[in-house]
Amino acid sequence: MHRKLHIGGKVRADGWEVLNAVPGPFVDHLGNANDLSQFADNTFSTIYASHVVEHFDYKNELTDTLKEWNRALHPGGKVFISVPDLEILAKLFLSKNINADGRFMVMRMMFGGHVDEYDYHVVGLNEEFLTEFLNDSGFVNIKRMNNFDLFDDTSAMLFVGVPISLNLTAEKPNISGSNDSLEYTKIGRNHPCPCGSGKKHKKCHGKNKFSGNKKAGPEGPVLK
């Protein structure tokens, strides 16, 4: 059976299990999205999170969280992530066509509404940054989408007619048992091995690919 996890969900939907830090009648699993230890490896075929990732500190927490989501996905499983697009919000904030009240709303989209202890944004993300975080967490096949068409939520939000969300899909490499599979060739030597061992790819399933040539293979972006 294919299980699908909606992180931060606030409504019930057929075929989806909801994980939320705040109890509610729609919540199937109570917990913080940065810790999926209540789920075994390779549990879900799909993970969906709209305007969740920006709540994790870019210093260490965000990458660790995305690695945890990767661990909980089946090989070949897909993650759907939507975040406020910092580039779009910056342009809106500087627009001469928006008044002070409008700019204040844009500021809240950048930093969070602060309505409770969880409603604080601690990282600003655009396509470049989020793609790097996903790569560094072992994801491949990262693609931008205009709309997920899965839920009526902030992933499709408009402000003064402008879509304000960045929507990306990414996949956990589909491990076929071969170190030379297409999925493995997309993983950089210093990235986490997609097998879930916790080792760097060059020390695990990428050992043969990178042995004898420390410069071989894609390095991928590294965040400082």
N, C-alpha and C. Protein backbone atom coordinates (compact mmCIF):
# COMPACT_ATOMS: atom_id res chain seq x y z
N MET A 1 0.84 -1.19 0.00
CA MET A 1 0.00 0.00 0.00
C MET A 1 0.88 1.25 0.00
N HIS A 2 0.53 2.21 -0.85
CA HIS A 2 1.27 3.45 -0.92
C HIS A 2 0.73 4.43 0.12
N ARG A 3 1.59 4.82 1.04
CA ARG A 3 1.20 5.77 2.06
C ARG A 3 1.72 7.16 1.69
N LYS A 4 0.89 8.17 1.95
CA LYS A 4 1.24 9.55 1.61
C LYS A 4 1.10 10.41 2.86
N LEU A 5 2.13 11.24 3.11
CA LEU A 5 2.17 12.07 4.32
C LEU A 5 2.04 13.54 3.96
N HIS A 6 1.07 14.20 4.59
CA HIS A 6 0.86 15.64 4.42
C HIS A 6 1.37 16.32 5.68
N ILE A 7 2.55 16.92 5.58
CA ILE A 7 3.16 17.58 6.73
C ILE A 7 2.57 18.99 6.89
N GLY A 8 2.07 19.26 8.09
CA GLY A 8 1.46 20.56 8.34
C GLY A 8 0.06 20.69 7.81
N GLY A 9 -0.54 19.57 7.41
CA GLY A 9 -1.89 19.60 6.86
C GLY A 9 -2.93 20.05 7.88
N LYS A 10 -4.01 20.65 7.37
CA LYS A 10 -5.07 21.14 8.24
C LYS A 10 -6.45 20.64 7.82
N VAL A 11 -6.46 19.74 6.85
CA VAL A 11 -7.72 19.15 6.39
C VAL A 11 -7.49 17.66 6.11
N ARG A 12 -8.56 16.91 6.17
CA ARG A 12 -8.49 15.50 5.79
C ARG A 12 -8.66 15.37 4.28
N ALA A 13 -7.93 14.45 3.70
CA ALA A 13 -8.05 14.17 2.27
C ALA A 13 -7.85 12.68 2.07
N ASP A 14 -8.63 12.09 1.19
CA ASP A 14 -8.56 10.65 0.96
C ASP A 14 -7.14 10.23 0.57
N GLY A 15 -6.64 9.22 1.25
CA GLY A 15 -5.34 8.65 0.92
C GLY A 15 -4.17 9.34 1.57
N TRP A 16 -4.42 10.42 2.33
CA TRP A 16 -3.34 11.17 2.96
C TRP A 16 -3.39 11.05 4.48
N GLU A 17 -2.22 10.94 5.09
CA GLU A 17 -2.08 11.00 6.54
C GLU A 17 -1.49 12.35 6.91
N VAL A 18 -2.03 12.98 7.94
CA VAL A 18 -1.60 14.32 8.33
C VAL A 18 -0.68 14.26 9.54
N LEU A 19 0.47 14.91 9.41
CA LEU A 19 1.39 15.13 10.54
C LEU A 19 1.35 16.60 10.89
N ASN A 20 1.13 16.92 12.16
CA ASN A 20 1.09 18.31 12.58
C ASN A 20 1.61 18.41 14.00
N ALA A 21 2.25 19.53 14.32
CA ALA A 21 2.76 19.75 15.68
C ALA A 21 1.65 20.18 16.63
N VAL A 22 0.51 20.59 16.05
CA VAL A 22 -0.62 21.07 16.85
C VAL A 22 -1.75 20.06 16.73
N PRO A 23 -2.29 19.55 17.85
CA PRO A 23 -3.37 18.57 17.80
C PRO A 23 -4.61 19.14 17.10
N GLY A 24 -5.36 18.24 16.47
CA GLY A 24 -6.61 18.64 15.82
C GLY A 24 -7.34 17.41 15.34
N PRO A 25 -8.62 17.54 15.02
CA PRO A 25 -9.41 16.38 14.59
C PRO A 25 -8.94 15.80 13.26
N PHE A 26 -8.17 16.57 12.49
CA PHE A 26 -7.68 16.12 11.19
C PHE A 26 -6.29 15.50 11.28
N VAL A 27 -5.68 15.52 12.48
CA VAL A 27 -4.28 15.09 12.64
C VAL A 27 -4.21 13.59 12.93
N ASP A 28 -3.43 12.88 12.10
CA ASP A 28 -3.21 11.45 12.30
C ASP A 28 -1.96 11.18 13.13
N HIS A 29 -0.95 12.03 12.98
CA HIS A 29 0.32 11.84 13.67
C HIS A 29 0.75 13.18 14.27
N LEU A 30 0.97 13.18 15.57
CA LEU A 30 1.38 14.41 16.26
C LEU A 30 2.90 14.44 16.36
N GLY A 31 3.50 15.53 15.92
CA GLY A 31 4.94 15.63 16.03
C GLY A 31 5.49 16.76 15.20
N ASN A 32 6.77 17.08 15.43
CA ASN A 32 7.44 18.12 14.67
C ASN A 32 7.95 17.53 13.36
N ALA A 33 7.84 18.31 12.30
CA ALA A 33 8.24 17.83 10.97
C ALA A 33 9.73 17.58 10.85
N ASN A 34 10.53 18.06 11.79
CA ASN A 34 11.98 17.82 11.72
C ASN A 34 12.38 16.48 12.32
N ASP A 35 11.39 15.72 12.80
CA ASP A 35 11.68 14.43 13.42
C ASP A 35 10.59 13.43 13.02
N LEU A 36 10.92 12.57 12.05
CA LEU A 36 9.98 11.54 11.61
C LEU A 36 10.36 10.17 12.16
N SER A 37 11.02 10.16 13.32
CA SER A 37 11.50 8.90 13.90
C SER A 37 10.38 7.94 14.25
N GLN A 38 9.14 8.43 14.31
CA GLN A 38 8.01 7.53 14.56
C GLN A 38 7.70 6.66 13.34
N PHE A 39 8.35 6.96 12.20
CA PHE A 39 8.15 6.21 10.98
C PHE A 39 9.43 5.48 10.59
N ALA A 40 9.30 4.25 10.12
CA ALA A 40 10.44 3.47 9.67
C ALA A 40 10.99 4.02 8.36
N ASP A 41 12.18 3.60 8.00
CA ASP A 41 12.74 3.94 6.70
C ASP A 41 11.79 3.48 5.60
N ASN A 42 11.75 4.24 4.51
CA ASN A 42 11.02 3.85 3.30
C ASN A 42 9.53 3.62 3.54
N THR A 43 8.93 4.47 4.37
CA THR A 43 7.51 4.30 4.72
C THR A 43 6.57 4.89 3.68
N PHE A 44 6.90 6.06 3.15
CA PHE A 44 5.95 6.81 2.33
C PHE A 44 6.37 6.87 0.87
N SER A 45 5.37 6.87 0.00
CA SER A 45 5.64 7.08 -1.43
C SER A 45 5.67 8.56 -1.76
N THR A 46 4.98 9.37 -0.93
CA THR A 46 4.87 10.81 -1.20
C THR A 46 4.87 11.58 0.11
N ILE A 47 5.60 12.69 0.13
CA ILE A 47 5.54 13.63 1.25
C ILE A 47 5.22 15.01 0.67
N TYR A 48 4.25 15.67 1.29
CA TYR A 48 3.81 16.99 0.83
C TYR A 48 3.93 17.98 1.97
N ALA A 49 4.50 19.16 1.68
CA ALA A 49 4.64 20.19 2.72
C ALA A 49 4.54 21.56 2.07
N SER A 50 3.50 22.28 2.41
CA SER A 50 3.30 23.63 1.88
C SER A 50 3.56 24.66 2.97
N HIS A 51 4.53 25.54 2.73
CA HIS A 51 4.92 26.60 3.65
C HIS A 51 5.24 26.04 5.04
N VAL A 52 6.12 25.05 5.02
CA VAL A 52 6.63 24.40 6.23
C VAL A 52 8.14 24.57 6.33
N VAL A 53 8.84 24.36 5.24
CA VAL A 53 10.31 24.31 5.24
C VAL A 53 10.95 25.60 5.73
N GLU A 54 10.29 26.74 5.48
CA GLU A 54 10.88 28.02 5.88
C GLU A 54 10.92 28.21 7.40
N HIS A 55 10.30 27.29 8.13
CA HIS A 55 10.30 27.36 9.59
C HIS A 55 11.51 26.65 10.21
N PHE A 56 12.41 26.12 9.38
CA PHE A 56 13.57 25.41 9.88
C PHE A 56 14.84 26.21 9.61
N ASP A 57 15.67 26.33 10.64
CA ASP A 57 16.88 27.14 10.58
C ASP A 57 17.80 26.66 9.46
N TYR A 58 18.26 27.60 8.63
CA TYR A 58 19.11 27.24 7.50
C TYR A 58 20.49 26.76 7.93
N LYS A 59 20.91 27.06 9.16
CA LYS A 59 22.27 26.72 9.59
C LYS A 59 22.51 25.22 9.57
N ASN A 60 21.65 24.46 10.23
CA ASN A 60 21.78 23.01 10.25
C ASN A 60 20.44 22.29 10.14
N GLU A 61 19.42 22.88 10.74
CA GLU A 61 18.15 22.18 10.90
C GLU A 61 17.48 21.84 9.57
N LEU A 62 17.53 22.73 8.60
CA LEU A 62 16.82 22.50 7.36
C LEU A 62 17.37 21.30 6.60
N THR A 63 18.68 21.22 6.47
CA THR A 63 19.27 20.08 5.78
C THR A 63 18.99 18.78 6.52
N ASP A 64 19.11 18.79 7.85
CA ASP A 64 18.83 17.59 8.64
C ASP A 64 17.37 17.16 8.47
N THR A 65 16.46 18.14 8.40
CA THR A 65 15.04 17.83 8.23
C THR A 65 14.78 17.19 6.87
N LEU A 66 15.36 17.75 5.82
CA LEU A 66 15.15 17.20 4.48
C LEU A 66 15.77 15.80 4.36
N LYS A 67 16.89 15.57 5.02
CA LYS A 67 17.48 14.23 5.04
C LYS A 67 16.53 13.24 5.74
N GLU A 68 15.87 13.71 6.79
CA GLU A 68 14.92 12.86 7.50
C GLU A 68 13.71 12.53 6.62
N TRP A 69 13.25 13.49 5.86
CA TRP A 69 12.15 13.22 4.93
C TRP A 69 12.60 12.24 3.85
N ASN A 70 13.82 12.40 3.38
CA ASN A 70 14.37 11.48 2.39
C ASN A 70 14.40 10.06 2.94
N ARG A 71 14.83 9.93 4.18
CA ARG A 71 14.89 8.60 4.81
C ARG A 71 13.53 7.94 4.85
N ALA A 72 12.49 8.72 5.13
CA ALA A 72 11.14 8.15 5.30
C ALA A 72 10.46 7.83 3.98
N LEU A 73 11.03 8.28 2.87
CA LEU A 73 10.44 8.00 1.56
C LEU A 73 10.90 6.66 1.00
N HIS A 74 10.02 6.02 0.22
CA HIS A 74 10.44 4.87 -0.57
C HIS A 74 11.53 5.31 -1.56
N PRO A 75 12.42 4.41 -1.96
CA PRO A 75 13.26 4.70 -3.12
C PRO A 75 12.36 5.03 -4.32
N GLY A 76 12.64 6.14 -4.97
CA GLY A 76 11.79 6.58 -6.06
C GLY A 76 10.62 7.44 -5.60
N GLY A 77 10.46 7.60 -4.28
CA GLY A 77 9.38 8.41 -3.74
C GLY A 77 9.60 9.89 -4.02
N LYS A 78 8.51 10.64 -3.93
CA LYS A 78 8.57 12.05 -4.33
C LYS A 78 8.15 12.96 -3.18
N VAL A 79 8.82 14.10 -3.09
CA VAL A 79 8.46 15.14 -2.13
C VAL A 79 7.95 16.35 -2.90
N PHE A 80 6.89 16.95 -2.38
CA PHE A 80 6.32 18.18 -2.93
C PHE A 80 6.53 19.27 -1.87
N ILE A 81 7.29 20.30 -2.22
CA ILE A 81 7.61 21.35 -1.25
C ILE A 81 7.25 22.72 -1.83
N SER A 82 6.48 23.47 -1.06
CA SER A 82 6.14 24.84 -1.42
C SER A 82 6.63 25.77 -0.32
N VAL A 83 7.24 26.88 -0.71
CA VAL A 83 7.73 27.88 0.25
C VAL A 83 7.42 29.27 -0.30
N PRO A 84 7.39 30.29 0.55
CA PRO A 84 7.31 31.66 0.04
C PRO A 84 8.56 31.94 -0.80
N ASP A 85 8.36 32.43 -2.00
CA ASP A 85 9.49 32.71 -2.90
C ASP A 85 10.09 34.07 -2.55
N LEU A 86 11.28 34.06 -1.99
CA LEU A 86 11.90 35.30 -1.51
C LEU A 86 12.12 36.29 -2.65
N GLU A 87 12.45 35.82 -3.84
CA GLU A 87 12.67 36.72 -4.96
C GLU A 87 11.38 37.47 -5.32
N ILE A 88 10.29 36.74 -5.38
CA ILE A 88 9.01 37.36 -5.72
C ILE A 88 8.59 38.33 -4.63
N LEU A 89 8.74 37.93 -3.38
CA LEU A 89 8.34 38.80 -2.27
C LEU A 89 9.20 40.07 -2.22
N ALA A 90 10.48 39.95 -2.53
CA ALA A 90 11.35 41.13 -2.53
C ALA A 90 10.91 42.12 -3.61
N LYS A 91 10.54 41.61 -4.78
CA LYS A 91 10.06 42.48 -5.86
C LYS A 91 8.75 43.15 -5.47
N LEU A 92 7.86 42.39 -4.83
CA LEU A 92 6.59 42.97 -4.39
C LEU A 92 6.82 44.05 -3.34
N PHE A 93 7.74 43.79 -2.42
CA PHE A 93 8.01 44.76 -1.35
C PHE A 93 8.51 46.09 -1.92
N LEU A 94 9.27 46.02 -2.99
CA LEU A 94 9.86 47.22 -3.58
C LEU A 94 8.97 47.87 -4.63
N SER A 95 7.85 47.22 -4.93
CA SER A 95 6.96 47.73 -5.97
C SER A 95 6.34 49.07 -5.56
N LYS A 96 6.29 49.99 -6.49
CA LYS A 96 5.66 51.29 -6.26
C LYS A 96 4.14 51.19 -6.31
N ASN A 97 3.62 50.04 -6.73
CA ASN A 97 2.18 49.87 -6.87
C ASN A 97 1.52 49.31 -5.60
N ILE A 98 2.30 49.11 -4.56
CA ILE A 98 1.77 48.57 -3.30
C ILE A 98 1.93 49.62 -2.20
N ASN A 99 0.87 49.81 -1.43
CA ASN A 99 0.92 50.81 -0.36
C ASN A 99 1.56 50.23 0.90
N ALA A 100 1.60 51.01 1.96
CA ALA A 100 2.27 50.59 3.19
C ALA A 100 1.63 49.34 3.79
N ASP A 101 0.30 49.27 3.77
CA ASP A 101 -0.39 48.08 4.30
C ASP A 101 -0.01 46.84 3.50
N GLY A 102 0.08 47.01 2.19
CA GLY A 102 0.47 45.88 1.34
C GLY A 102 1.89 45.43 1.61
N ARG A 103 2.80 46.39 1.79
CA ARG A 103 4.19 46.03 2.10
C ARG A 103 4.29 45.33 3.45
N PHE A 104 3.44 45.74 4.40
CA PHE A 104 3.45 45.07 5.69
C PHE A 104 3.02 43.61 5.55
N MET A 105 2.03 43.35 4.69
CA MET A 105 1.60 41.98 4.44
C MET A 105 2.73 41.16 3.80
N VAL A 106 3.44 41.78 2.87
CA VAL A 106 4.57 41.09 2.24
C VAL A 106 5.64 40.77 3.28
N MET A 107 5.90 41.71 4.18
CA MET A 107 6.88 41.47 5.24
C MET A 107 6.46 40.27 6.09
N ARG A 108 5.18 40.14 6.39
CA ARG A 108 4.70 39.00 7.19
C ARG A 108 4.89 37.68 6.43
N MET A 109 4.73 37.72 5.12
CA MET A 109 4.97 36.51 4.32
C MET A 109 6.43 36.12 4.37
N MET A 110 7.31 37.11 4.48
CA MET A 110 8.75 36.82 4.57
C MET A 110 9.14 36.24 5.93
N PHE A 111 8.61 36.82 7.00
CA PHE A 111 9.07 36.49 8.35
C PHE A 111 8.08 35.69 9.19
N GLY A 112 6.89 35.45 8.64
CA GLY A 112 5.89 34.68 9.39
C GLY A 112 4.89 35.59 10.07
N GLY A 113 3.72 35.04 10.35
CA GLY A 113 2.67 35.82 10.98
C GLY A 113 2.80 35.97 12.48
N HIS A 114 3.63 35.10 13.12
CA HIS A 114 3.88 35.15 14.56
C HIS A 114 2.60 35.00 15.38
N VAL A 115 1.69 34.17 14.87
CA VAL A 115 0.43 33.96 15.59
C VAL A 115 0.57 32.90 16.68
N ASP A 116 1.62 32.06 16.59
CA ASP A 116 1.90 31.09 17.64
C ASP A 116 3.39 30.77 17.62
N GLU A 117 3.83 29.88 18.47
CA GLU A 117 5.27 29.61 18.60
C GLU A 117 5.88 28.98 17.36
N TYR A 118 5.04 28.44 16.47
CA TYR A 118 5.56 27.80 15.26
C TYR A 118 5.56 28.73 14.05
N ASP A 119 4.91 29.89 14.15
CA ASP A 119 4.68 30.74 12.99
C ASP A 119 5.79 31.77 12.81
N TYR A 120 7.04 31.29 12.80
CA TYR A 120 8.20 32.15 12.60
C TYR A 120 9.05 31.58 11.46
N HIS A 121 9.41 32.40 10.50
CA HIS A 121 10.26 31.96 9.41
C HIS A 121 11.71 32.27 9.74
N VAL A 122 12.58 31.30 9.55
CA VAL A 122 13.98 31.49 9.91
C VAL A 122 14.92 31.28 8.72
N VAL A 123 14.36 31.22 7.52
CA VAL A 123 15.18 31.16 6.31
C VAL A 123 14.36 31.73 5.16
N GLY A 124 15.04 32.45 4.27
CA GLY A 124 14.43 32.92 3.04
C GLY A 124 14.91 32.07 1.89
N LEU A 125 14.00 31.61 1.04
CA LEU A 125 14.35 30.65 0.00
C LEU A 125 13.89 31.12 -1.38
N ASN A 126 14.77 30.95 -2.35
CA ASN A 126 14.38 31.05 -3.74
C ASN A 126 14.70 29.71 -4.41
N GLU A 127 14.52 29.63 -5.73
CA GLU A 127 14.73 28.34 -6.40
C GLU A 127 16.17 27.86 -6.25
N GLU A 128 17.12 28.77 -6.37
CA GLU A 128 18.54 28.40 -6.25
C GLU A 128 18.86 27.82 -4.88
N PHE A 129 18.41 28.49 -3.83
CA PHE A 129 18.73 28.03 -2.47
C PHE A 129 18.04 26.70 -2.15
N LEU A 130 16.74 26.61 -2.43
CA LEU A 130 16.02 25.38 -2.08
C LEU A 130 16.54 24.19 -2.89
N THR A 131 16.90 24.42 -4.13
CA THR A 131 17.48 23.34 -4.94
C THR A 131 18.78 22.84 -4.31
N GLU A 132 19.60 23.74 -3.82
CA GLU A 132 20.86 23.34 -3.18
C GLU A 132 20.60 22.54 -1.91
N PHE A 133 19.65 22.99 -1.10
CA PHE A 133 19.32 22.25 0.12
C PHE A 133 18.82 20.84 -0.23
N LEU A 134 18.00 20.71 -1.26
CA LEU A 134 17.49 19.40 -1.66
C LEU A 134 18.61 18.51 -2.19
N ASN A 135 19.47 19.08 -3.00
CA ASN A 135 20.62 18.30 -3.50
C ASN A 135 21.49 17.80 -2.36
N ASP A 136 21.78 18.69 -1.41
CA ASP A 136 22.64 18.32 -0.29
C ASP A 136 21.99 17.30 0.63
N SER A 137 20.68 17.12 0.50
CA SER A 137 19.96 16.15 1.33
C SER A 137 19.71 14.85 0.60
N GLY A 138 20.28 14.70 -0.61
CA GLY A 138 20.21 13.43 -1.33
C GLY A 138 19.10 13.30 -2.34
N PHE A 139 18.38 14.39 -2.64
CA PHE A 139 17.29 14.33 -3.61
C PHE A 139 17.80 14.56 -5.03
N VAL A 140 17.06 14.02 -5.99
CA VAL A 140 17.39 14.18 -7.41
C VAL A 140 16.13 14.58 -8.17
N ASN A 141 16.29 14.84 -9.47
CA ASN A 141 15.16 15.17 -10.35
C ASN A 141 14.32 16.32 -9.79
N ILE A 142 14.97 17.39 -9.43
CA ILE A 142 14.29 18.54 -8.83
C ILE A 142 13.67 19.39 -9.94
N LYS A 143 12.38 19.65 -9.81
CA LYS A 143 11.66 20.38 -10.85
C LYS A 143 10.76 21.44 -10.23
N ARG A 144 10.65 22.55 -10.94
CA ARG A 144 9.74 23.61 -10.51
C ARG A 144 8.37 23.41 -11.15
N MET A 145 7.33 23.63 -10.36
CA MET A 145 5.95 23.48 -10.82
C MET A 145 5.21 24.80 -10.61
N ASN A 146 4.31 25.12 -11.53
CA ASN A 146 3.47 26.30 -11.33
C ASN A 146 2.46 26.05 -10.22
N ASN A 147 1.88 24.84 -10.22
CA ASN A 147 0.86 24.49 -9.23
C ASN A 147 0.85 22.99 -9.04
N PHE A 148 0.74 22.55 -7.80
CA PHE A 148 0.70 21.12 -7.52
C PHE A 148 -0.68 20.52 -7.81
N ASP A 149 -1.73 21.33 -7.64
CA ASP A 149 -3.11 20.86 -7.85
C ASP A 149 -3.44 19.67 -6.95
N LEU A 150 -2.92 19.69 -5.74
CA LEU A 150 -3.22 18.62 -4.79
C LEU A 150 -4.11 19.12 -3.65
N PHE A 151 -3.83 20.32 -3.15
CA PHE A 151 -4.59 20.89 -2.05
C PHE A 151 -4.87 22.37 -2.33
N ASP A 152 -5.94 22.86 -1.75
CA ASP A 152 -6.26 24.28 -1.84
C ASP A 152 -5.57 24.98 -0.67
N ASP A 153 -4.32 25.36 -0.88
CA ASP A 153 -3.52 25.89 0.23
C ASP A 153 -2.59 26.99 -0.27
N THR A 154 -1.61 27.34 0.55
CA THR A 154 -0.71 28.46 0.23
C THR A 154 0.17 28.22 -0.98
N SER A 155 0.29 26.98 -1.45
CA SER A 155 1.10 26.73 -2.64
C SER A 155 0.52 27.43 -3.87
N ALA A 156 -0.78 27.74 -3.82
CA ALA A 156 -1.44 28.43 -4.94
C ALA A 156 -1.83 29.86 -4.58
N MET A 157 -1.27 30.40 -3.51
CA MET A 157 -1.67 31.72 -3.02
C MET A 157 -1.25 32.83 -3.98
N LEU A 158 -2.16 33.79 -4.16
CA LEU A 158 -1.89 34.99 -4.95
C LEU A 158 -1.93 36.20 -4.04
N PHE A 159 -1.06 37.17 -4.33
CA PHE A 159 -1.11 38.47 -3.64
C PHE A 159 -1.06 39.54 -4.72
N VAL A 160 -2.04 40.39 -4.74
CA VAL A 160 -2.26 41.38 -5.81
C VAL A 160 -2.11 40.73 -7.18
N GLY A 161 -2.65 39.50 -7.29
CA GLY A 161 -2.64 38.79 -8.55
C GLY A 161 -1.36 38.07 -8.89
N VAL A 162 -0.39 38.10 -7.98
CA VAL A 162 0.92 37.50 -8.24
C VAL A 162 1.10 36.23 -7.41
N PRO A 163 1.45 35.08 -8.03
CA PRO A 163 1.74 33.86 -7.25
C PRO A 163 2.98 34.10 -6.39
N ILE A 164 2.88 33.84 -5.08
CA ILE A 164 4.00 34.16 -4.20
C ILE A 164 4.78 32.93 -3.75
N SER A 165 4.39 31.76 -4.23
CA SER A 165 5.03 30.53 -3.75
C SER A 165 5.98 29.93 -4.78
N LEU A 166 7.04 29.35 -4.27
CA LEU A 166 7.96 28.53 -5.06
C LEU A 166 7.58 27.08 -4.81
N ASN A 167 7.24 26.34 -5.86
CA ASN A 167 6.79 24.96 -5.75
C ASN A 167 7.78 24.03 -6.45
N LEU A 168 8.43 23.16 -5.69
CA LEU A 168 9.40 22.22 -6.25
C LEU A 168 9.01 20.79 -5.92
N THR A 169 9.25 19.89 -6.86
CA THR A 169 9.17 18.45 -6.59
C THR A 169 10.58 17.88 -6.67
N ALA A 170 10.82 16.81 -5.93
CA ALA A 170 12.12 16.14 -5.96
C ALA A 170 11.90 14.67 -5.62
N GLU A 171 12.86 13.84 -5.97
CA GLU A 171 12.72 12.40 -5.76
C GLU A 171 13.87 11.83 -4.95
N LYS A 172 13.56 10.79 -4.19
CA LYS A 172 14.60 9.98 -3.57
C LYS A 172 15.11 9.02 -4.64
N PRO A 173 16.42 8.91 -4.81
CA PRO A 173 16.94 8.01 -5.86
C PRO A 173 16.36 6.61 -5.74
N ASN A 174 16.01 6.05 -6.88
CA ASN A 174 15.42 4.71 -6.93
C ASN A 174 16.55 3.70 -7.01
N ILE A 175 16.95 3.17 -5.88
CA ILE A 175 18.11 2.29 -5.79
C ILE A 175 17.78 0.95 -6.42
N SER A 176 18.52 0.60 -7.46
CA SER A 176 18.27 -0.65 -8.18
C SER A 176 19.24 -1.75 -7.80
N GLY A 177 20.21 -1.39 -6.91
CA GLY A 177 21.23 -2.38 -6.55
C GLY A 177 22.52 -2.19 -7.32
N SER A 178 22.46 -1.39 -8.38
CA SER A 178 23.66 -1.13 -9.17
C SER A 178 24.23 0.23 -8.81
N ASN A 179 25.52 0.26 -8.55
CA ASN A 179 26.18 1.53 -8.23
C ASN A 179 26.26 2.45 -9.43
N ASP A 180 26.01 1.90 -10.63
CA ASP A 180 26.11 2.70 -11.85
C ASP A 180 24.75 3.10 -12.37
N SER A 181 23.68 2.92 -11.57
CA SER A 181 22.35 3.29 -12.01
C SER A 181 22.27 4.79 -12.23
N LEU A 182 21.28 5.23 -13.04
CA LEU A 182 21.13 6.63 -13.37
C LEU A 182 21.01 7.49 -12.13
N GLU A 183 20.27 6.99 -11.13
CA GLU A 183 20.06 7.78 -9.92
C GLU A 183 21.37 8.02 -9.18
N TYR A 184 22.22 7.02 -9.15
CA TYR A 184 23.49 7.17 -8.44
C TYR A 184 24.43 8.14 -9.14
N THR A 185 24.36 8.20 -10.47
CA THR A 185 25.27 9.08 -11.18
C THR A 185 24.96 10.53 -10.92
N LYS A 186 23.78 10.84 -10.40
CA LYS A 186 23.39 12.22 -10.14
C LYS A 186 23.80 12.68 -8.75
N ILE A 187 24.35 11.79 -7.94
CA ILE A 187 24.72 12.13 -6.58
C ILE A 187 26.19 12.51 -6.52
N GLY A 188 26.49 13.66 -5.94
CA GLY A 188 27.87 14.10 -5.80
C GLY A 188 28.63 13.26 -4.79
N ARG A 189 29.95 13.27 -4.89
CA ARG A 189 30.79 12.39 -4.06
C ARG A 189 30.66 12.72 -2.57
N ASN A 190 30.41 14.00 -2.22
CA ASN A 190 30.30 14.39 -0.82
C ASN A 190 28.87 14.48 -0.32
N HIS A 191 27.91 14.11 -1.16
CA HIS A 191 26.52 14.11 -0.74
C HIS A 191 26.21 12.84 0.07
N PRO A 192 25.15 12.85 0.88
CA PRO A 192 24.76 11.63 1.60
C PRO A 192 24.40 10.52 0.62
N CYS A 193 24.83 9.31 0.91
CA CYS A 193 24.47 8.19 0.04
C CYS A 193 22.96 7.96 0.14
N PRO A 194 22.27 7.79 -0.99
CA PRO A 194 20.82 7.63 -0.95
C PRO A 194 20.35 6.32 -0.34
N CYS A 195 21.28 5.40 -0.03
CA CYS A 195 20.87 4.15 0.58
C CYS A 195 20.42 4.33 2.03
N GLY A 196 20.73 5.51 2.61
CA GLY A 196 20.31 5.79 3.98
C GLY A 196 21.32 5.37 5.04
N SER A 197 22.53 5.02 4.62
CA SER A 197 23.55 4.57 5.58
C SER A 197 24.06 5.69 6.48
N GLY A 198 23.90 6.95 6.01
CA GLY A 198 24.46 8.08 6.74
C GLY A 198 25.88 8.42 6.32
N LYS A 199 26.48 7.59 5.47
CA LYS A 199 27.83 7.84 4.97
C LYS A 199 27.78 8.75 3.75
N LYS A 200 28.91 9.40 3.45
CA LYS A 200 29.00 10.13 2.20
C LYS A 200 28.97 9.13 1.05
N HIS A 201 28.45 9.59 -0.10
CA HIS A 201 28.30 8.72 -1.26
C HIS A 201 29.63 8.08 -1.67
N LYS A 202 30.74 8.87 -1.58
CA LYS A 202 32.05 8.36 -2.00
C LYS A 202 32.55 7.24 -1.10
N LYS A 203 32.01 7.16 0.13
CA LYS A 203 32.43 6.13 1.08
C LYS A 203 31.47 4.94 1.10
N CYS A 204 30.41 5.00 0.28
CA CYS A 204 29.40 3.94 0.33
C CYS A 204 29.16 3.40 -1.09
N HIS A 205 27.96 3.59 -1.65
CA HIS A 205 27.66 3.03 -2.96
C HIS A 205 28.42 3.73 -4.10
N GLY A 206 28.99 4.90 -3.82
CA GLY A 206 29.77 5.59 -4.85
C GLY A 206 31.25 5.28 -4.79
N LYS A 207 31.63 4.33 -3.94
CA LYS A 207 33.05 4.05 -3.72
C LYS A 207 33.75 3.66 -5.02
N ASN A 208 33.14 2.77 -5.81
CA ASN A 208 33.76 2.33 -7.05
C ASN A 208 33.82 3.45 -8.08
N LYS A 209 32.78 4.27 -8.10
CA LYS A 209 32.71 5.35 -9.09
C LYS A 209 33.82 6.38 -8.87
N PHE A 210 34.10 6.66 -7.59
CA PHE A 210 35.05 7.73 -7.28
C PHE A 210 36.45 7.22 -6.93
N SER A 211 36.64 5.91 -6.79
CA SER A 211 37.95 5.39 -6.40
C SER A 211 38.97 5.66 -7.49
N GLY A 212 40.15 6.13 -7.07
CA GLY A 212 41.23 6.39 -8.01
C GLY A 212 41.14 7.72 -8.72
N ASN A 213 40.04 8.43 -8.47
CA ASN A 213 39.89 9.74 -9.11
C ASN A 213 39.04 10.62 -8.23
N LYS A 214 39.67 11.36 -7.36
CA LYS A 214 38.95 12.15 -6.37
C LYS A 214 38.15 13.27 -7.00
N LYS A 215 38.44 13.57 -8.26
CA LYS A 215 37.72 14.65 -8.92
C LYS A 215 36.57 14.14 -9.78
N ALA A 216 36.40 12.82 -9.89
CA ALA A 216 35.40 12.28 -10.78
C ALA A 216 34.00 12.53 -10.24
N GLY A 217 33.07 12.64 -11.19
CA GLY A 217 31.66 12.75 -10.81
C GLY A 217 31.27 14.17 -10.44
N PRO A 218 29.96 14.40 -10.41
CA PRO A 218 29.47 15.75 -10.07
C PRO A 218 29.66 16.07 -8.60
N GLU A 219 30.22 17.20 -8.34
CA GLU A 219 30.41 17.61 -6.94
C GLU A 219 29.11 18.10 -6.33
N GLY A 220 28.33 18.82 -7.11
CA GLY A 220 27.10 19.40 -6.57
C GLY A 220 27.41 20.60 -5.69
N PRO A 221 26.42 21.47 -5.49
CA PRO A 221 26.63 22.66 -4.68
C PRO A 221 26.80 22.34 -3.21
N VAL A 222 27.64 23.08 -2.55
CA VAL A 222 27.85 22.90 -1.11
C VAL A 222 27.52 24.21 -0.41
N LEU A 223 26.62 24.15 0.56
CA LEU A 223 26.27 25.35 1.29
C LEU A 223 27.22 25.57 2.45
N LYS A 224 27.63 26.78 2.67
CA LYS A 224 28.49 27.13 3.81
C LYS A 224 27.63 27.57 4.98
